[in-house]
Amino acid sequence: MNLIFEIFISGALVVSGIFGFVGSYGLVKLKSTLQRLHAPTKATTLGVGGVLVASMLYFYASTGHISVHEMLIAVFLLLTAPIIANFIAKTYMARNLRASDLPKSQSRKGWALYEDPPKP
């Protein structure tokens, strides 16, 4: 394997390890649920993405073919992380907040969890 590939693979693994550590540390140390929400959805997603990039580079350097499996995992991860974050935030809002606690909505329909009172 070429030295350039080894350097890029090592760099991607180190960067992904740092992001994974920061995301895991944030998940443990942050106080509220909404603060903890950012750790797994942002930092840990980048950490796993870095490992997938390193794996794609390794298999390309070893075999000369691009691995489709890692690309599919990365696409799935990038599509599902924001949806999971939205579900966690809505669950937190439904369990811990009342409609009066929320700021006014910019839309006519109000917040998705609460219905606006009927207008006369």
PDB file of N, CA and C in Angstrom:
ATOM      1  N   MET A   1       0.847  -1.170   0.000  1.00  0.00           N
ATOM      2  CA  MET A   1       0.000   0.000   0.000  1.00  0.00           C
ATOM      3  C   MET A   1       0.899   1.241   0.000  1.00  0.00           C
ATOM      4  N   ASN A   2       0.431   2.276  -0.646  1.00  0.00           N
ATOM      5  CA  ASN A   2       1.162   3.516  -0.800  1.00  0.00           C
ATOM      6  C   ASN A   2       1.215   4.282   0.525  1.00  0.00           C
ATOM      7  N   LEU A   3       2.313   4.995   0.769  1.00  0.00           N
ATOM      8  CA  LEU A   3       2.478   5.763   1.996  1.00  0.00           C
ATOM      9  C   LEU A   3       1.422   6.873   2.105  1.00  0.00           C
ATOM     10  N   ILE A   4       1.064   7.451   0.990  1.00  0.00           N
ATOM     11  CA  ILE A   4       0.046   8.519   0.994  1.00  0.00           C
ATOM     12  C   ILE A   4      -1.284   7.970   1.500  1.00  0.00           C
ATOM     13  N   PHE A   5      -1.687   6.800   1.031  1.00  0.00           N
ATOM     14  CA  PHE A   5      -2.932   6.188   1.497  1.00  0.00           C
ATOM     15  C   PHE A   5      -2.865   5.904   2.995  1.00  0.00           C
ATOM     16  N   GLU A   6      -1.718   5.410   3.453  1.00  0.00           N
ATOM     17  CA  GLU A   6      -1.574   5.117   4.879  1.00  0.00           C
ATOM     18  C   GLU A   6      -1.692   6.369   5.735  1.00  0.00           C
ATOM     19  N   ILE A   7      -1.144   7.476   5.252  1.00  0.00           N
ATOM     20  CA  ILE A   7      -1.242   8.739   5.988  1.00  0.00           C
ATOM     21  C   ILE A   7      -2.691   9.222   6.036  1.00  0.00           C
ATOM     22  N   PHE A   8      -3.389   9.170   4.907  1.00  0.00           N
ATOM     23  CA  PHE A   8      -4.799   9.598   4.881  1.00  0.00           C
ATOM     24  C   PHE A   8      -5.680   8.695   5.745  1.00  0.00           C
ATOM     25  N   ILE A   9      -5.438   7.400   5.692  1.00  0.00           N
ATOM     26  CA  ILE A   9      -6.220   6.461   6.508  1.00  0.00           C
ATOM     27  C   ILE A   9      -5.960   6.721   7.993  1.00  0.00           C
ATOM     28  N   SER A  10      -4.704   6.903   8.360  1.00  0.00           N
ATOM     29  CA  SER A  10      -4.379   7.185   9.762  1.00  0.00           C
ATOM     30  C   SER A  10      -4.990   8.504  10.215  1.00  0.00           C
ATOM     31  N   GLY A  11      -4.922   9.518   9.372  1.00  0.00           N
ATOM     32  CA  GLY A  11      -5.512  10.812   9.707  1.00  0.00           C
ATOM     33  C   GLY A  11      -7.016  10.724   9.899  1.00  0.00           C
ATOM     34  N   ALA A  12      -7.696   9.987   9.008  1.00  0.00           N
ATOM     35  CA  ALA A  12      -9.154   9.832   9.133  1.00  0.00           C
ATOM     36  C   ALA A  12      -9.514   9.089  10.414  1.00  0.00           C
ATOM     37  N   LEU A  13      -8.719   8.087  10.789  1.00  0.00           N
ATOM     38  CA  LEU A  13      -8.995   7.348  12.021  1.00  0.00           C
ATOM     39  C   LEU A  13      -8.759   8.200  13.264  1.00  0.00           C
ATOM     40  N   VAL A  14      -7.705   9.014  13.244  1.00  0.00           N
ATOM     41  CA  VAL A  14      -7.432   9.880  14.394  1.00  0.00           C
ATOM     42  C   VAL A  14      -8.531  10.932  14.540  1.00  0.00           C
ATOM     43  N   VAL A  15      -8.909  11.566  13.439  1.00  0.00           N
ATOM     44  CA  VAL A  15      -9.969  12.581  13.489  1.00  0.00           C
ATOM     45  C   VAL A  15     -11.292  11.955  13.928  1.00  0.00           C
ATOM     46  N   SER A  16     -11.602  10.789  13.407  1.00  0.00           N
ATOM     47  CA  SER A  16     -12.861  10.140  13.804  1.00  0.00           C
ATOM     48  C   SER A  16     -12.821   9.713  15.269  1.00  0.00           C
ATOM     49  N   GLY A  17     -11.663   9.310  15.763  1.00  0.00           N
ATOM     50  CA  GLY A  17     -11.540   8.970  17.178  1.00  0.00           C
ATOM     51  C   GLY A  17     -11.758  10.181  18.071  1.00  0.00           C
ATOM     52  N   ILE A  18     -11.233  11.338  17.654  1.00  0.00           N
ATOM     53  CA  ILE A  18     -11.438  12.564  18.425  1.00  0.00           C
ATOM     54  C   ILE A  18     -12.911  12.940  18.441  1.00  0.00           C
ATOM     55  N   PHE A  19     -13.567  12.905  17.284  1.00  0.00           N
ATOM     56  CA  PHE A  19     -14.992  13.233  17.233  1.00  0.00           C
ATOM     57  C   PHE A  19     -15.821  12.244  18.044  1.00  0.00           C
ATOM     58  N   GLY A  20     -15.477  10.972  17.958  1.00  0.00           N
ATOM     59  CA  GLY A  20     -16.205   9.973  18.740  1.00  0.00           C
ATOM     60  C   GLY A  20     -16.040  10.176  20.232  1.00  0.00           C
ATOM     61  N   PHE A  21     -14.826  10.520  20.651  1.00  0.00           N
ATOM     62  CA  PHE A  21     -14.576  10.782  22.071  1.00  0.00           C
ATOM     63  C   PHE A  21     -15.337  12.017  22.546  1.00  0.00           C
ATOM     64  N   VAL A  22     -15.286  13.089  21.777  1.00  0.00           N
ATOM     65  CA  VAL A  22     -15.994  14.311  22.153  1.00  0.00           C
ATOM     66  C   VAL A  22     -17.498  14.067  22.216  1.00  0.00           C
ATOM     67  N   GLY A  23     -18.042  13.332  21.261  1.00  0.00           N
ATOM     68  CA  GLY A  23     -19.473  13.025  21.285  1.00  0.00           C
ATOM     69  C   GLY A  23     -19.866  12.167  22.466  1.00  0.00           C
ATOM     70  N   SER A  24     -19.067  11.176  22.779  1.00  0.00           N
ATOM     71  CA  SER A  24     -19.362  10.313  23.930  1.00  0.00           C
ATOM     72  C   SER A  24     -19.223  11.068  25.240  1.00  0.00           C
ATOM     73  N   TYR A  25     -18.201  11.902  25.346  1.00  0.00           N
ATOM     74  CA  TYR A  25     -17.994  12.701  26.542  1.00  0.00           C
ATOM     75  C   TYR A  25     -19.156  13.686  26.735  1.00  0.00           C
ATOM     76  N   GLY A  26     -19.586  14.305  25.641  1.00  0.00           N
ATOM     77  CA  GLY A  26     -20.718  15.228  25.719  1.00  0.00           C
ATOM     78  C   GLY A  26     -22.002  14.532  26.115  1.00  0.00           C
ATOM     79  N   LEU A  27     -22.189  13.329  25.663  1.00  0.00           N
ATOM     80  CA  LEU A  27     -23.392  12.577  26.008  1.00  0.00           C
ATOM     81  C   LEU A  27     -23.441  12.280  27.495  1.00  0.00           C
ATOM     82  N   VAL A  28     -22.287  12.054  28.099  1.00  0.00           N
ATOM     83  CA  VAL A  28     -22.231  11.746  29.527  1.00  0.00           C
ATOM     84  C   VAL A  28     -22.274  13.013  30.378  1.00  0.00           C
ATOM     85  N   LYS A  29     -21.568  14.055  29.986  1.00  0.00           N
ATOM     86  CA  LYS A  29     -21.374  15.211  30.850  1.00  0.00           C
ATOM     87  C   LYS A  29     -22.423  16.321  30.710  1.00  0.00           C
ATOM     88  N   LEU A  30     -23.095  16.434  29.594  1.00  0.00           N
ATOM     89  CA  LEU A  30     -24.068  17.517  29.454  1.00  0.00           C
ATOM     90  C   LEU A  30     -25.277  17.256  30.335  1.00  0.00           C
ATOM     91  N   LYS A  31     -25.919  18.337  30.792  1.00  0.00           N
ATOM     92  CA  LYS A  31     -26.923  18.214  31.839  1.00  0.00           C
ATOM     93  C   LYS A  31     -28.309  17.843  31.333  1.00  0.00           C
ATOM     94  N   SER A  32     -28.851  18.580  30.402  1.00  0.00           N
ATOM     95  CA  SER A  32     -30.236  18.338  30.005  1.00  0.00           C
ATOM     96  C   SER A  32     -30.312  17.487  28.734  1.00  0.00           C
ATOM     97  N   THR A  33     -31.484  16.987  28.492  1.00  0.00           N
ATOM     98  CA  THR A  33     -31.700  16.123  27.325  1.00  0.00           C
ATOM     99  C   THR A  33     -31.455  16.874  26.031  1.00  0.00           C
ATOM    100  N   LEU A  34     -31.910  18.107  25.958  1.00  0.00           N
ATOM    101  CA  LEU A  34     -31.721  18.857  24.722  1.00  0.00           C
ATOM    102  C   LEU A  34     -30.259  19.216  24.490  1.00  0.00           C
ATOM    103  N   GLN A  35     -29.478  19.387  25.549  1.00  0.00           N
ATOM    104  CA  GLN A  35     -28.047  19.580  25.368  1.00  0.00           C
ATOM    105  C   GLN A  35     -27.377  18.281  24.937  1.00  0.00           C
ATOM    106  N   ARG A  36     -27.795  17.175  25.510  1.00  0.00           N
ATOM    107  CA  ARG A  36     -27.222  15.871  25.142  1.00  0.00           C
ATOM    108  C   ARG A  36     -27.568  15.465  23.720  1.00  0.00           C
ATOM    109  N   LEU A  37     -28.589  16.051  23.187  1.00  0.00           N
ATOM    110  CA  LEU A  37     -29.042  15.714  21.846  1.00  0.00           C
ATOM    111  C   LEU A  37     -27.973  16.010  20.799  1.00  0.00           C
ATOM    112  N   HIS A  38     -27.192  17.058  20.991  1.00  0.00           N
ATOM    113  CA  HIS A  38     -26.208  17.452  19.984  1.00  0.00           C
ATOM    114  C   HIS A  38     -25.001  16.518  19.932  1.00  0.00           C
ATOM    115  N   ALA A  39     -24.660  15.902  21.044  1.00  0.00           N
ATOM    116  CA  ALA A  39     -23.462  15.061  21.068  1.00  0.00           C
ATOM    117  C   ALA A  39     -23.562  13.864  20.120  1.00  0.00           C
ATOM    118  N   PRO A  40     -24.603  13.027  20.219  1.00  0.00           N
ATOM    119  CA  PRO A  40     -24.624  11.883  19.305  1.00  0.00           C
ATOM    120  C   PRO A  40     -24.977  12.244  17.877  1.00  0.00           C
ATOM    121  N   THR A  41     -25.743  13.303  17.685  1.00  0.00           N
ATOM    122  CA  THR A  41     -26.165  13.601  16.320  1.00  0.00           C
ATOM    123  C   THR A  41     -25.118  14.351  15.525  1.00  0.00           C
ATOM    124  N   LYS A  42     -24.244  15.067  16.174  1.00  0.00           N
ATOM    125  CA  LYS A  42     -23.242  15.826  15.435  1.00  0.00           C
ATOM    126  C   LYS A  42     -21.866  15.149  15.506  1.00  0.00           C
ATOM    127  N   ALA A  43     -21.306  15.118  16.687  1.00  0.00           N
ATOM    128  CA  ALA A  43     -19.921  14.669  16.819  1.00  0.00           C
ATOM    129  C   ALA A  43     -19.757  13.184  16.543  1.00  0.00           C
ATOM    130  N   THR A  44     -20.635  12.367  17.083  1.00  0.00           N
ATOM    131  CA  THR A  44     -20.484  10.931  16.890  1.00  0.00           C
ATOM    132  C   THR A  44     -20.768  10.536  15.441  1.00  0.00           C
ATOM    133  N   THR A  45     -21.674  11.248  14.776  1.00  0.00           N
ATOM    134  CA  THR A  45     -21.923  10.982  13.359  1.00  0.00           C
ATOM    135  C   THR A  45     -20.668  11.266  12.541  1.00  0.00           C
ATOM    136  N   LEU A  46     -19.979  12.346  12.862  1.00  0.00           N
ATOM    137  CA  LEU A  46     -18.719  12.629  12.168  1.00  0.00           C
ATOM    138  C   LEU A  46     -17.654  11.592  12.502  1.00  0.00           C
ATOM    139  N   GLY A  47     -17.665  11.092  13.744  1.00  0.00           N
ATOM    140  CA  GLY A  47     -16.713  10.054  14.122  1.00  0.00           C
ATOM    141  C   GLY A  47     -16.911   8.774  13.334  1.00  0.00           C
ATOM    142  N   VAL A  48     -18.135   8.328  13.230  1.00  0.00           N
ATOM    143  CA  VAL A  48     -18.425   7.120  12.455  1.00  0.00           C
ATOM    144  C   VAL A  48     -18.153   7.366  10.971  1.00  0.00           C
ATOM    145  N   GLY A  49     -18.459   8.568  10.505  1.00  0.00           N
ATOM    146  CA  GLY A  49     -18.168   8.913   9.109  1.00  0.00           C
ATOM    147  C   GLY A  49     -16.684   8.847   8.799  1.00  0.00           C
ATOM    148  N   GLY A  50     -15.846   9.277   9.737  1.00  0.00           N
ATOM    149  CA  GLY A  50     -14.399   9.198   9.540  1.00  0.00           C
ATOM    150  C   GLY A  50     -13.901   7.770   9.456  1.00  0.00           C
ATOM    151  N   VAL A  51     -14.463   6.893  10.278  1.00  0.00           N
ATOM    152  CA  VAL A  51     -14.088   5.470  10.214  1.00  0.00           C
ATOM    153  C   VAL A  51     -14.513   4.884   8.866  1.00  0.00           C
ATOM    154  N   LEU A  52     -15.689   5.272   8.385  1.00  0.00           N
ATOM    155  CA  LEU A  52     -16.144   4.768   7.084  1.00  0.00           C
ATOM    156  C   LEU A  52     -15.255   5.273   5.948  1.00  0.00           C
ATOM    157  N   VAL A  53     -14.828   6.537   6.028  1.00  0.00           N
ATOM    158  CA  VAL A  53     -13.916   7.067   5.006  1.00  0.00           C
ATOM    159  C   VAL A  53     -12.587   6.315   5.049  1.00  0.00           C
ATOM    160  N   ALA A  54     -12.073   6.064   6.249  1.00  0.00           N
ATOM    161  CA  ALA A  54     -10.820   5.313   6.372  1.00  0.00           C
ATOM    162  C   ALA A  54     -10.973   3.899   5.806  1.00  0.00           C
ATOM    163  N   SER A  55     -12.118   3.277   6.058  1.00  0.00           N
ATOM    164  CA  SER A  55     -12.351   1.930   5.533  1.00  0.00           C
ATOM    165  C   SER A  55     -12.442   1.939   4.007  1.00  0.00           C
ATOM    166  N   MET A  56     -13.121   2.948   3.452  1.00  0.00           N
ATOM    167  CA  MET A  56     -13.203   3.039   1.986  1.00  0.00           C
ATOM    168  C   MET A  56     -11.825   3.250   1.377  1.00  0.00           C
ATOM    169  N   LEU A  57     -11.015   4.103   1.994  1.00  0.00           N
ATOM    170  CA  LEU A  57      -9.662   4.327   1.480  1.00  0.00           C
ATOM    171  C   LEU A  57      -8.805   3.063   1.571  1.00  0.00           C
ATOM    172  N   TYR A  58      -8.925   2.339   2.674  1.00  0.00           N
ATOM    173  CA  TYR A  58      -8.141   1.113   2.845  1.00  0.00           C
ATOM    174  C   TYR A  58      -8.500   0.070   1.780  1.00  0.00           C
ATOM    175  N   PHE A  59      -9.799  -0.153   1.581  1.00  0.00           N
ATOM    176  CA  PHE A  59     -10.180  -1.173   0.604  1.00  0.00           C
ATOM    177  C   PHE A  59      -9.898  -0.730  -0.824  1.00  0.00           C
ATOM    178  N   TYR A  60      -9.946   0.579  -1.075  1.00  0.00           N
ATOM    179  CA  TYR A  60      -9.567   1.050  -2.405  1.00  0.00           C
ATOM    180  C   TYR A  60      -8.070   0.857  -2.630  1.00  0.00           C
ATOM    181  N   ALA A  61      -7.259   1.141  -1.607  1.00  0.00           N
ATOM    182  CA  ALA A  61      -5.805   0.968  -1.744  1.00  0.00           C
ATOM    183  C   ALA A  61      -5.431  -0.503  -1.847  1.00  0.00           C
ATOM    184  N   SER A  62      -6.183  -1.380  -1.157  1.00  0.00           N
ATOM    185  CA  SER A  62      -5.853  -2.804  -1.160  1.00  0.00           C
ATOM    186  C   SER A  62      -6.315  -3.514  -2.424  1.00  0.00           C
ATOM    187  N   THR A  63      -7.542  -3.228  -2.851  1.00  0.00           N
ATOM    188  CA  THR A  63      -8.125  -3.983  -3.962  1.00  0.00           C
ATOM    189  C   THR A  63      -8.257  -3.194  -5.254  1.00  0.00           C
ATOM    190  N   GLY A  64      -8.242  -1.870  -5.163  1.00  0.00           N
ATOM    191  CA  GLY A  64      -8.446  -1.053  -6.357  1.00  0.00           C
ATOM    192  C   GLY A  64      -9.904  -0.831  -6.681  1.00  0.00           C
ATOM    193  N   HIS A  65     -10.805  -1.313  -5.837  1.00  0.00           N
ATOM    194  CA  HIS A  65     -12.238  -1.132  -6.032  1.00  0.00           C
ATOM    195  C   HIS A  65     -12.810  -0.294  -4.890  1.00  0.00           C
ATOM    196  N   ILE A  66     -13.810   0.499  -5.214  1.00  0.00           N
ATOM    197  CA  ILE A  66     -14.493   1.284  -4.184  1.00  0.00           C
ATOM    198  C   ILE A  66     -15.534   0.388  -3.520  1.00  0.00           C
ATOM    199  N   SER A  67     -15.541   0.388  -2.202  1.00  0.00           N
ATOM    200  CA  SER A  67     -16.487  -0.440  -1.449  1.00  0.00           C
ATOM    201  C   SER A  67     -17.835   0.275  -1.347  1.00  0.00           C
ATOM    202  N   VAL A  68     -18.857  -0.367  -1.846  1.00  0.00           N
ATOM    203  CA  VAL A  68     -20.193   0.212  -1.838  1.00  0.00           C
ATOM    204  C   VAL A  68     -20.834   0.086  -0.459  1.00  0.00           C
ATOM    205  N   HIS A  69     -20.435  -0.914   0.305  1.00  0.00           N
ATOM    206  CA  HIS A  69     -21.036  -1.130   1.621  1.00  0.00           C
ATOM    207  C   HIS A  69     -20.853   0.080   2.532  1.00  0.00           C
ATOM    208  N   GLU A  70     -19.631   0.611   2.570  1.00  0.00           N
ATOM    209  CA  GLU A  70     -19.370   1.767   3.422  1.00  0.00           C
ATOM    210  C   GLU A  70     -20.142   2.989   2.957  1.00  0.00           C
ATOM    211  N   MET A  71     -20.282   3.141   1.658  1.00  0.00           N
ATOM    212  CA  MET A  71     -21.067   4.275   1.143  1.00  0.00           C
ATOM    213  C   MET A  71     -22.530   4.160   1.560  1.00  0.00           C
ATOM    214  N   LEU A  72     -23.082   2.960   1.500  1.00  0.00           N
ATOM    215  CA  LEU A  72     -24.479   2.771   1.907  1.00  0.00           C
ATOM    216  C   LEU A  72     -24.659   3.026   3.402  1.00  0.00           C
ATOM    217  N   ILE A  73     -23.700   2.586   4.204  1.00  0.00           N
ATOM    218  CA  ILE A  73     -23.768   2.839   5.643  1.00  0.00           C
ATOM    219  C   ILE A  73     -23.705   4.340   5.913  1.00  0.00           C
ATOM    220  N   ALA A  74     -22.815   5.050   5.222  1.00  0.00           N
ATOM    221  CA  ALA A  74     -22.679   6.491   5.418  1.00  0.00           C
ATOM    222  C   ALA A  74     -23.954   7.224   5.009  1.00  0.00           C
ATOM    223  N   VAL A  75     -24.545   6.845   3.894  1.00  0.00           N
ATOM    224  CA  VAL A  75     -25.799   7.484   3.464  1.00  0.00           C
ATOM    225  C   VAL A  75     -26.907   7.213   4.476  1.00  0.00           C
ATOM    226  N   PHE A  76     -27.015   5.986   4.935  1.00  0.00           N
ATOM    227  CA  PHE A  76     -28.025   5.652   5.935  1.00  0.00           C
ATOM    228  C   PHE A  76     -27.813   6.445   7.214  1.00  0.00           C
ATOM    229  N   LEU A  77     -26.576   6.558   7.651  1.00  0.00           N
ATOM    230  CA  LEU A  77     -26.258   7.300   8.865  1.00  0.00           C
ATOM    231  C   LEU A  77     -26.593   8.780   8.710  1.00  0.00           C
ATOM    232  N   LEU A  78     -26.219   9.376   7.598  1.00  0.00           N
ATOM    233  CA  LEU A  78     -26.473  10.797   7.395  1.00  0.00           C
ATOM    234  C   LEU A  78     -27.953  11.100   7.199  1.00  0.00           C
ATOM    235  N   LEU A  79     -28.729  10.138   6.725  1.00  0.00           N
ATOM    236  CA  LEU A  79     -30.172  10.347   6.575  1.00  0.00           C
ATOM    237  C   LEU A  79     -30.935  10.134   7.879  1.00  0.00           C
ATOM    238  N   THR A  80     -30.489   9.211   8.706  1.00  0.00           N
ATOM    239  CA  THR A  80     -31.262   8.884   9.906  1.00  0.00           C
ATOM    240  C   THR A  80     -30.897   9.717  11.125  1.00  0.00           C
ATOM    241  N   ALA A  81     -29.692  10.254  11.215  1.00  0.00           N
ATOM    242  CA  ALA A  81     -29.292  11.022  12.400  1.00  0.00           C
ATOM    243  C   ALA A  81     -30.174  12.248  12.634  1.00  0.00           C
ATOM    244  N   PRO A  82     -30.505  13.055  11.633  1.00  0.00           N
ATOM    245  CA  PRO A  82     -31.390  14.195  11.897  1.00  0.00           C
ATOM    246  C   PRO A  82     -32.808  13.772  12.273  1.00  0.00           C
ATOM    247  N   ILE A  83     -33.278  12.682  11.726  1.00  0.00           N
ATOM    248  CA  ILE A  83     -34.625  12.203  12.051  1.00  0.00           C
ATOM    249  C   ILE A  83     -34.677  11.734  13.499  1.00  0.00           C
ATOM    250  N   ILE A  84     -33.653  11.020  13.934  1.00  0.00           N
ATOM    251  CA  ILE A  84     -33.590  10.567  15.324  1.00  0.00           C
ATOM    252  C   ILE A  84     -33.520  11.761  16.271  1.00  0.00           C
ATOM    253  N   ALA A  85     -32.718  12.777  15.915  1.00  0.00           N
ATOM    254  CA  ALA A  85     -32.626  13.979  16.747  1.00  0.00           C
ATOM    255  C   ALA A  85     -33.983  14.670  16.854  1.00  0.00           C
ATOM    256  N   ASN A  86     -34.723  14.719  15.770  1.00  0.00           N
ATOM    257  CA  ASN A  86     -36.057  15.323  15.793  1.00  0.00           C
ATOM    258  C   ASN A  86     -36.996  14.534  16.696  1.00  0.00           C
ATOM    259  N   PHE A  87     -36.953  13.220  16.626  1.00  0.00           N
ATOM    260  CA  PHE A  87     -37.805  12.392  17.490  1.00  0.00           C
ATOM    261  C   PHE A  87     -37.467  12.587  18.967  1.00  0.00           C
ATOM    262  N   ILE A  88     -36.180  12.654  19.285  1.00  0.00           N
ATOM    263  CA  ILE A  88     -35.776  12.850  20.680  1.00  0.00           C
ATOM    264  C   ILE A  88     -36.251  14.215  21.175  1.00  0.00           C
ATOM    265  N   ALA A  89     -36.090  15.256  20.365  1.00  0.00           N
ATOM    266  CA  ALA A  89     -36.514  16.598  20.767  1.00  0.00           C
ATOM    267  C   ALA A  89     -38.027  16.667  20.961  1.00  0.00           C
ATOM    268  N   LYS A  90     -38.784  16.064  20.069  1.00  0.00           N
ATOM    269  CA  LYS A  90     -40.246  16.090  20.206  1.00  0.00           C
ATOM    270  C   LYS A  90     -40.710  15.279  21.415  1.00  0.00           C
ATOM    271  N   THR A  91     -40.042  14.179  21.690  1.00  0.00           N
ATOM    272  CA  THR A  91     -40.388  13.398  22.874  1.00  0.00           C
ATOM    273  C   THR A  91     -40.114  14.194  24.136  1.00  0.00           C
ATOM    274  N   TYR A  92     -38.985  14.884  24.174  1.00  0.00           N
ATOM    275  CA  TYR A  92     -38.670  15.725  25.325  1.00  0.00           C
ATOM    276  C   TYR A  92     -39.722  16.816  25.489  1.00  0.00           C
ATOM    277  N   MET A  93     -40.090  17.449  24.393  1.00  0.00           N
ATOM    278  CA  MET A  93     -41.091  18.517  24.467  1.00  0.00           C
ATOM    279  C   MET A  93     -42.434  17.984  24.944  1.00  0.00           C
ATOM    280  N   ALA A  94     -42.828  16.839  24.465  1.00  0.00           N
ATOM    281  CA  ALA A  94     -44.127  16.283  24.842  1.00  0.00           C
ATOM    282  C   ALA A  94     -44.162  15.883  26.307  1.00  0.00           C
ATOM    283  N   ARG A  95     -43.057  15.421  26.852  1.00  0.00           N
ATOM    284  CA  ARG A  95     -43.041  14.969  28.246  1.00  0.00           C
ATOM    285  C   ARG A  95     -42.777  16.082  29.242  1.00  0.00           C
ATOM    286  N   ASN A  96     -42.050  17.130  28.846  1.00  0.00           N
ATOM    287  CA  ASN A  96     -41.577  18.101  29.823  1.00  0.00           C
ATOM    288  C   ASN A  96     -42.079  19.528  29.642  1.00  0.00           C
ATOM    289  N   LEU A  97     -42.692  19.847  28.536  1.00  0.00           N
ATOM    290  CA  LEU A  97     -43.110  21.222  28.291  1.00  0.00           C
ATOM    291  C   LEU A  97     -44.611  21.296  28.048  1.00  0.00           C
ATOM    292  N   ARG A  98     -45.186  22.407  28.476  1.00  0.00           N
ATOM    293  CA  ARG A  98     -46.584  22.695  28.161  1.00  0.00           C
ATOM    294  C   ARG A  98     -46.609  23.645  26.977  1.00  0.00           C
ATOM    295  N   ALA A  99     -47.742  23.776  26.359  1.00  0.00           N
ATOM    296  CA  ALA A  99     -47.852  24.676  25.214  1.00  0.00           C
ATOM    297  C   ALA A  99     -47.563  26.112  25.613  1.00  0.00           C
ATOM    298  N   SER A 100     -47.879  26.483  26.840  1.00  0.00           N
ATOM    299  CA  SER A 100     -47.624  27.856  27.293  1.00  0.00           C
ATOM    300  C   SER A 100     -46.137  28.124  27.522  1.00  0.00           C
ATOM    301  N   ASP A 101     -45.331  27.075  27.659  1.00  0.00           N
ATOM    302  CA  ASP A 101     -43.888  27.240  27.855  1.00  0.00           C
ATOM    303  C   ASP A 101     -43.152  27.566  26.557  1.00  0.00           C
ATOM    304  N   LEU A 102     -43.774  27.264  25.436  1.00  0.00           N
ATOM    305  CA  LEU A 102     -43.118  27.422  24.142  1.00  0.00           C
ATOM    306  C   LEU A 102     -43.310  28.830  23.605  1.00  0.00           C
ATOM    307  N   PRO A 103     -42.352  29.330  22.844  1.00  0.00           N
ATOM    308  CA  PRO A 103     -42.542  30.640  22.213  1.00  0.00           C
ATOM    309  C   PRO A 103     -43.605  30.558  21.121  1.00  0.00           C
ATOM    310  N   LYS A 104     -44.091  31.717  20.701  1.00  0.00           N
ATOM    311  CA  LYS A 104     -45.095  31.727  19.642  1.00  0.00           C
ATOM    312  C   LYS A 104     -44.517  31.137  18.367  1.00  0.00           C
ATOM    313  N   SER A 105     -45.340  30.373  17.681  1.00  0.00           N
ATOM    314  CA  SER A 105     -44.917  29.752  16.434  1.00  0.00           C
ATOM    315  C   SER A 105     -45.004  30.766  15.297  1.00  0.00           C
ATOM    316  N   GLN A 106     -44.128  30.618  14.328  1.00  0.00           N
ATOM    317  CA  GLN A 106     -44.138  31.501  13.163  1.00  0.00           C
ATOM    318  C   GLN A 106     -45.187  31.084  12.138  1.00  0.00           C
ATOM    319  N   SER A 107     -45.740  29.909  12.310  1.00  0.00           N
ATOM    320  CA  SER A 107     -46.697  29.393  11.340  1.00  0.00           C
ATOM    321  C   SER A 107     -48.124  29.522  11.861  1.00  0.00           C
ATOM    322  N   ARG A 108     -49.085  29.438  10.969  1.00  0.00           N
ATOM    323  CA  ARG A 108     -50.489  29.512  11.369  1.00  0.00           C
ATOM    324  C   ARG A 108     -50.916  28.274  12.127  1.00  0.00           C
ATOM    325  N   LYS A 109     -50.253  27.167  11.910  1.00  0.00           N
ATOM    326  CA  LYS A 109     -50.677  25.898  12.494  1.00  0.00           C
ATOM    327  C   LYS A 109     -50.104  25.660  13.884  1.00  0.00           C
ATOM    328  N   GLY A 110     -49.182  26.482  14.342  1.00  0.00           N
ATOM    329  CA  GLY A 110     -48.628  26.299  15.675  1.00  0.00           C
ATOM    330  C   GLY A 110     -47.565  25.211  15.706  1.00  0.00           C
ATOM    331  N   TRP A 111     -47.286  24.744  16.909  1.00  0.00           N
ATOM    332  CA  TRP A 111     -46.302  23.691  17.111  1.00  0.00           C
ATOM    333  C   TRP A 111     -46.902  22.340  16.734  1.00  0.00           C
ATOM    334  N   ALA A 112     -46.072  21.426  16.326  1.00  0.00           N
ATOM    335  CA  ALA A 112     -46.553  20.119  15.868  1.00  0.00           C
ATOM    336  C   ALA A 112     -47.137  19.294  17.009  1.00  0.00           C
ATOM    337  N   LEU A 113     -46.709  19.547  18.229  1.00  0.00           N
ATOM    338  CA  LEU A 113     -47.185  18.750  19.358  1.00  0.00           C
ATOM    339  C   LEU A 113     -48.479  19.284  19.953  1.00  0.00           C
ATOM    340  N   TYR A 114     -48.728  20.539  19.756  1.00  0.00           N
ATOM    341  CA  TYR A 114     -49.878  21.155  20.401  1.00  0.00           C
ATOM    342  C   TYR A 114     -50.731  21.849  19.351  1.00  0.00           C
ATOM    343  N   GLU A 115     -52.010  21.761  19.547  1.00  0.00           N
ATOM    344  CA  GLU A 115     -52.907  22.438  18.633  1.00  0.00           C
ATOM    345  C   GLU A 115     -53.181  23.839  19.154  1.00  0.00           C
ATOM    346  N   ASP A 116     -53.278  24.788  18.230  1.00  0.00           N
ATOM    347  CA  ASP A 116     -53.677  26.118  18.626  1.00  0.00           C
ATOM    348  C   ASP A 116     -55.148  26.125  18.993  1.00  0.00           C
ATOM    349  N   PRO A 117     -55.544  26.981  19.926  1.00  0.00           N
ATOM    350  CA  PRO A 117     -56.972  27.040  20.244  1.00  0.00           C
ATOM    351  C   PRO A 117     -57.755  27.554  19.046  1.00  0.00           C
ATOM    352  N   PRO A 118     -58.995  27.122  18.897  1.00  0.00           N
ATOM    353  CA  PRO A 118     -59.764  27.590  17.727  1.00  0.00           C
ATOM    354  C   PRO A 118     -59.952  29.099  17.771  1.00  0.00           C
ATOM    355  N   LYS A 119     -59.880  29.711  16.609  1.00  0.00           N
ATOM    356  CA  LYS A 119     -60.031  31.150  16.512  1.00  0.00           C
ATOM    357  C   LYS A 119     -61.485  31.496  16.246  1.00  0.00           C
ATOM    358  N   PRO A 120     -61.985  32.571  16.894  1.00  0.00           N
ATOM    359  CA  PRO A 120     -63.410  32.913  16.704  1.00  0.00           C
ATOM    360  C   PRO A 120     -63.693  33.466  15.343  1.00  0.00           C
TER     361      PRO A 120
END
